[in-house]
Structure formats: structure tokens, C-alpha cells
Amino acid sequence: MLESRFAASVDHKEADVRRYRSGFEDLRALALSPPESADLIRRKRDQLAEE
């Protein structure tokens, strides 16, 4: 599904779906784990509080 402020559409073309899935899997591989994400958010919050 492609979304914007004004519309949404579903693309069923196999090549497009494969490309979107690959991009999503790349992002998941780069993402922090939930505990790591929470720790990063806490550290950034603490840094901002010190400023």
C-alpha cells in the first residue's frame, strides 16, 4: 500500500511487492531491538534534559 496525505493505493505487481518487501527487510535489519531503542530514547531524553 502506498499512502500519502491525499490518497492510498495497493500495488499487487509482483516485482513492486518484492522491492517493497526487500526495502522493509533492510530497514528491519538495521533497526535496534526494542530494549536498545528504549535505552537510546532514555539517553537522548537525559541529554536534552541536561541542556
PDB file of N, CA and C in Angstrom:
ATOM      1  N   MET A   1       0.846  -1.167   0.000  1.00  0.00           N
ATOM      2  CA  MET A   1       0.000   0.000   0.000  1.00  0.00           C
ATOM      3  C   MET A   1       0.893   1.231   0.000  1.00  0.00           C
ATOM      4  N   LEU A   2       0.561   2.162  -0.839  1.00  0.00           N
ATOM      5  CA  LEU A   2       1.251   3.442  -0.893  1.00  0.00           C
ATOM      6  C   LEU A   2       0.313   4.490  -0.331  1.00  0.00           C
ATOM      7  N   GLU A   3       0.778   5.240   0.644  1.00  0.00           N
ATOM      8  CA  GLU A   3      -0.068   6.236   1.267  1.00  0.00           C
ATOM      9  C   GLU A   3       0.548   7.615   1.159  1.00  0.00           C
ATOM     10  N   SER A   4      -0.310   8.590   1.063  1.00  0.00           N
ATOM     11  CA  SER A   4       0.103   9.982   1.116  1.00  0.00           C
ATOM     12  C   SER A   4      -0.966  10.741   1.895  1.00  0.00           C
ATOM     13  N   ARG A   5      -0.803  12.026   1.988  1.00  0.00           N
ATOM     14  CA  ARG A   5      -1.824  12.818   2.692  1.00  0.00           C
ATOM     15  C   ARG A   5      -3.170  12.755   1.995  1.00  0.00           C
ATOM     16  N   PHE A   6      -3.170  12.502   0.702  1.00  0.00           N
ATOM     17  CA  PHE A   6      -4.395  12.634  -0.074  1.00  0.00           C
ATOM     18  C   PHE A   6      -4.973  11.325  -0.603  1.00  0.00           C
ATOM     19  N   ALA A   7      -4.190  10.267  -0.621  1.00  0.00           N
ATOM     20  CA  ALA A   7      -4.696   9.033  -1.221  1.00  0.00           C
ATOM     21  C   ALA A   7      -3.899   7.827  -0.742  1.00  0.00           C
ATOM     22  N   ALA A   8      -4.455   6.656  -0.991  1.00  0.00           N
ATOM     23  CA  ALA A   8      -3.769   5.389  -0.719  1.00  0.00           C
ATOM     24  C   ALA A   8      -4.092   4.447  -1.871  1.00  0.00           C
ATOM     25  N   SER A   9      -3.130   3.644  -2.250  1.00  0.00           N
ATOM     26  CA  SER A   9      -3.374   2.661  -3.298  1.00  0.00           C
ATOM     27  C   SER A   9      -2.613   1.391  -2.958  1.00  0.00           C
ATOM     28  N   VAL A  10      -3.114   0.285  -3.455  1.00  0.00           N
ATOM     29  CA  VAL A  10      -2.490  -1.017  -3.233  1.00  0.00           C
ATOM     30  C   VAL A  10      -1.878  -1.469  -4.545  1.00  0.00           C
ATOM     31  N   ASP A  11      -0.630  -1.870  -4.489  1.00  0.00           N
ATOM     32  CA  ASP A  11       0.076  -2.317  -5.679  1.00  0.00           C
ATOM     33  C   ASP A  11       0.304  -3.820  -5.567  1.00  0.00           C
ATOM     34  N   HIS A  12      -0.228  -4.578  -6.505  1.00  0.00           N
ATOM     35  CA  HIS A  12      -0.127  -6.037  -6.450  1.00  0.00           C
ATOM     36  C   HIS A  12       0.898  -6.590  -7.440  1.00  0.00           C
ATOM     37  N   LYS A  13       1.621  -5.733  -8.142  1.00  0.00           N
ATOM     38  CA  LYS A  13       2.601  -6.223  -9.102  1.00  0.00           C
ATOM     39  C   LYS A  13       3.714  -6.940  -8.349  1.00  0.00           C
ATOM     40  N   GLU A  14       4.015  -8.144  -8.778  1.00  0.00           N
ATOM     41  CA  GLU A  14       4.971  -8.980  -8.054  1.00  0.00           C
ATOM     42  C   GLU A  14       6.329  -8.300  -7.887  1.00  0.00           C
ATOM     43  N   ALA A  15       6.837  -7.673  -8.931  1.00  0.00           N
ATOM     44  CA  ALA A  15       8.147  -7.028  -8.838  1.00  0.00           C
ATOM     45  C   ALA A  15       8.121  -5.882  -7.837  1.00  0.00           C
ATOM     46  N   ASP A  16       7.031  -5.113  -7.809  1.00  0.00           N
ATOM     47  CA  ASP A  16       6.927  -3.998  -6.866  1.00  0.00           C
ATOM     48  C   ASP A  16       6.822  -4.499  -5.435  1.00  0.00           C
ATOM     49  N   VAL A  17       6.011  -5.528  -5.241  1.00  0.00           N
ATOM     50  CA  VAL A  17       5.859  -6.097  -3.894  1.00  0.00           C
ATOM     51  C   VAL A  17       7.197  -6.630  -3.408  1.00  0.00           C
ATOM     52  N   ARG A  18       7.937  -7.290  -4.272  1.00  0.00           N
ATOM     53  CA  ARG A  18       9.255  -7.823  -3.912  1.00  0.00           C
ATOM     54  C   ARG A  18      10.201  -6.684  -3.520  1.00  0.00           C
ATOM     55  N   ARG A  19      10.163  -5.586  -4.277  1.00  0.00           N
ATOM     56  CA  ARG A  19      11.028  -4.438  -3.983  1.00  0.00           C
ATOM     57  C   ARG A  19      10.664  -3.806  -2.636  1.00  0.00           C
ATOM     58  N   TYR A  20       9.359  -3.632  -2.384  1.00  0.00           N
ATOM     59  CA  TYR A  20       8.930  -3.052  -1.104  1.00  0.00           C
ATOM     60  C   TYR A  20       9.304  -3.968   0.061  1.00  0.00           C
ATOM     61  N   ARG A  21       9.103  -5.274  -0.133  1.00  0.00           N
ATOM     62  CA  ARG A  21       9.446  -6.229   0.931  1.00  0.00           C
ATOM     63  C   ARG A  21      10.938  -6.197   1.221  1.00  0.00           C
ATOM     64  N   SER A  22      11.746  -6.139   0.176  1.00  0.00           N
ATOM     65  CA  SER A  22      13.193  -6.093   0.354  1.00  0.00           C
ATOM     66  C   SER A  22      13.605  -4.835   1.125  1.00  0.00           C
ATOM     67  N   GLY A  23      13.013  -3.705   0.767  1.00  0.00           N
ATOM     68  CA  GLY A  23      13.323  -2.463   1.481  1.00  0.00           C
ATOM     69  C   GLY A  23      12.930  -2.546   2.944  1.00  0.00           C
ATOM     70  N   PHE A  24      11.753  -3.116   3.217  1.00  0.00           N
ATOM     71  CA  PHE A  24      11.303  -3.258   4.595  1.00  0.00           C
ATOM     72  C   PHE A  24      12.230  -4.183   5.375  1.00  0.00           C
ATOM     73  N   GLU A  25      12.653  -5.270   4.763  1.00  0.00           N
ATOM     74  CA  GLU A  25      13.568  -6.197   5.436  1.00  0.00           C
ATOM     75  C   GLU A  25      14.914  -5.538   5.714  1.00  0.00           C
ATOM     76  N   ASP A  26      15.372  -4.690   4.797  1.00  0.00           N
ATOM     77  CA  ASP A  26      16.612  -3.944   5.034  1.00  0.00           C
ATOM     78  C   ASP A  26      16.473  -3.033   6.247  1.00  0.00           C
ATOM     79  N   LEU A  27      15.344  -2.343   6.343  1.00  0.00           N
ATOM     80  CA  LEU A  27      15.113  -1.466   7.497  1.00  0.00           C
ATOM     81  C   LEU A  27      15.055  -2.257   8.796  1.00  0.00           C
ATOM     82  N   ARG A  28      14.380  -3.389   8.769  1.00  0.00           N
ATOM     83  CA  ARG A  28      14.294  -4.226   9.975  1.00  0.00           C
ATOM     84  C   ARG A  28      15.672  -4.692  10.418  1.00  0.00           C
ATOM     85  N   ALA A  29      16.532  -5.015   9.455  1.00  0.00           N
ATOM     86  CA  ALA A  29      17.877  -5.482   9.791  1.00  0.00           C
ATOM     87  C   ALA A  29      18.705  -4.380  10.444  1.00  0.00           C
ATOM     88  N   LEU A  30      18.441  -3.132  10.080  1.00  0.00           N
ATOM     89  CA  LEU A  30      19.183  -2.002  10.639  1.00  0.00           C
ATOM     90  C   LEU A  30      18.618  -1.499  11.962  1.00  0.00           C
ATOM     91  N   ALA A  31      17.374  -1.843  12.231  1.00  0.00           N
ATOM     92  CA  ALA A  31      16.687  -1.313  13.409  1.00  0.00           C
ATOM     93  C   ALA A  31      17.272  -1.873  14.707  1.00  0.00           C
ATOM     94  N   LEU A  32      17.207  -1.061  15.732  1.00  0.00           N
ATOM     95  CA  LEU A  32      17.587  -1.523  17.063  1.00  0.00           C
ATOM     96  C   LEU A  32      16.519  -2.450  17.612  1.00  0.00           C
ATOM     97  N   SER A  33      16.894  -3.277  18.565  1.00  0.00           N
ATOM     98  CA  SER A  33      15.912  -4.119  19.244  1.00  0.00           C
ATOM     99  C   SER A  33      15.049  -3.216  20.127  1.00  0.00           C
ATOM    100  N   PRO A  34      13.893  -3.686  20.571  1.00  0.00           N
ATOM    101  CA  PRO A  34      13.068  -2.860  21.459  1.00  0.00           C
ATOM    102  C   PRO A  34      13.817  -2.378  22.712  1.00  0.00           C
ATOM    103  N   PRO A  35      14.580  -3.246  23.403  1.00  0.00           N
ATOM    104  CA  PRO A  35      15.315  -2.739  24.570  1.00  0.00           C
ATOM    105  C   PRO A  35      16.379  -1.695  24.186  1.00  0.00           C
ATOM    106  N   GLU A  36      17.050  -1.922  23.058  1.00  0.00           N
ATOM    107  CA  GLU A  36      18.053  -0.951  22.610  1.00  0.00           C
ATOM    108  C   GLU A  36      17.395   0.377  22.237  1.00  0.00           C
ATOM    109  N   SER A  37      16.231   0.310  21.614  1.00  0.00           N
ATOM    110  CA  SER A  37      15.502   1.526  21.252  1.00  0.00           C
ATOM    111  C   SER A  37      15.102   2.302  22.505  1.00  0.00           C
ATOM    112  N   ALA A  38      14.582   1.593  23.495  1.00  0.00           N
ATOM    113  CA  ALA A  38      14.174   2.247  24.740  1.00  0.00           C
ATOM    114  C   ALA A  38      15.373   2.901  25.420  1.00  0.00           C
ATOM    115  N   ASP A  39      16.510   2.224  25.411  1.00  0.00           N
ATOM    116  CA  ASP A  39      17.723   2.771  26.015  1.00  0.00           C
ATOM    117  C   ASP A  39      18.174   4.029  25.272  1.00  0.00           C
ATOM    118  N   LEU A  40      18.139   3.995  23.956  1.00  0.00           N
ATOM    119  CA  LEU A  40      18.521   5.166  23.169  1.00  0.00           C
ATOM    120  C   LEU A  40      17.599   6.346  23.469  1.00  0.00           C
ATOM    121  N   ILE A  41      16.320   6.092  23.539  1.00  0.00           N
ATOM    122  CA  ILE A  41      15.363   7.157  23.848  1.00  0.00           C
ATOM    123  C   ILE A  41      15.636   7.739  25.224  1.00  0.00           C
ATOM    124  N   ARG A  42      15.902   6.879  26.208  1.00  0.00           N
ATOM    125  CA  ARG A  42      16.213   7.376  27.563  1.00  0.00           C
ATOM    126  C   ARG A  42      17.477   8.233  27.565  1.00  0.00           C
ATOM    127  N   ARG A  43      18.517   7.762  26.864  1.00  0.00           N
ATOM    128  CA  ARG A  43      19.773   8.531  26.818  1.00  0.00           C
ATOM    129  C   ARG A  43      19.573   9.887  26.158  1.00  0.00           C
ATOM    130  N   LYS A  44      18.838   9.911  25.061  1.00  0.00           N
ATOM    131  CA  LYS A  44      18.583  11.183  24.365  1.00  0.00           C
ATOM    132  C   LYS A  44      17.741  12.112  25.232  1.00  0.00           C
ATOM    133  N   ARG A  45      16.751  11.547  25.938  1.00  0.00           N
ATOM    134  CA  ARG A  45      15.929  12.344  26.848  1.00  0.00           C
ATOM    135  C   ARG A  45      16.799  12.972  27.928  1.00  0.00           C
ATOM    136  N   ASP A  46      17.700  12.185  28.491  1.00  0.00           N
ATOM    137  CA  ASP A  46      18.569  12.683  29.549  1.00  0.00           C
ATOM    138  C   ASP A  46      19.517  13.750  29.024  1.00  0.00           C
ATOM    139  N   GLN A  47      20.033  13.566  27.806  1.00  0.00           N
ATOM    140  CA  GLN A  47      20.895  14.575  27.205  1.00  0.00           C
ATOM    141  C   GLN A  47      20.140  15.894  27.012  1.00  0.00           C
ATOM    142  N   LEU A  48      18.917  15.807  26.538  1.00  0.00           N
ATOM    143  CA  LEU A  48      18.124  17.024  26.317  1.00  0.00           C
ATOM    144  C   LEU A  48      17.794  17.711  27.645  1.00  0.00           C
ATOM    145  N   ALA A  49      17.575  16.921  28.688  1.00  0.00           N
ATOM    146  CA  ALA A  49      17.268  17.498  29.992  1.00  0.00           C
ATOM    147  C   ALA A  49      18.456  18.247  30.568  1.00  0.00           C
ATOM    148  N   GLU A  50      19.673  17.835  30.189  1.00  0.00           N
ATOM    149  CA  GLU A  50      20.883  18.494  30.691  1.00  0.00           C
ATOM    150  C   GLU A  50      21.157  19.826  29.972  1.00  0.00           C
ATOM    151  N   GLU A  51      20.592  20.010  28.800  1.00  0.00           N
ATOM    152  CA  GLU A  51      20.866  21.229  28.023  1.00  0.00           C
ATOM    153  C   GLU A  51      20.125  22.425  28.569  1.00  0.00           C
TER     154      GLU A  51
END
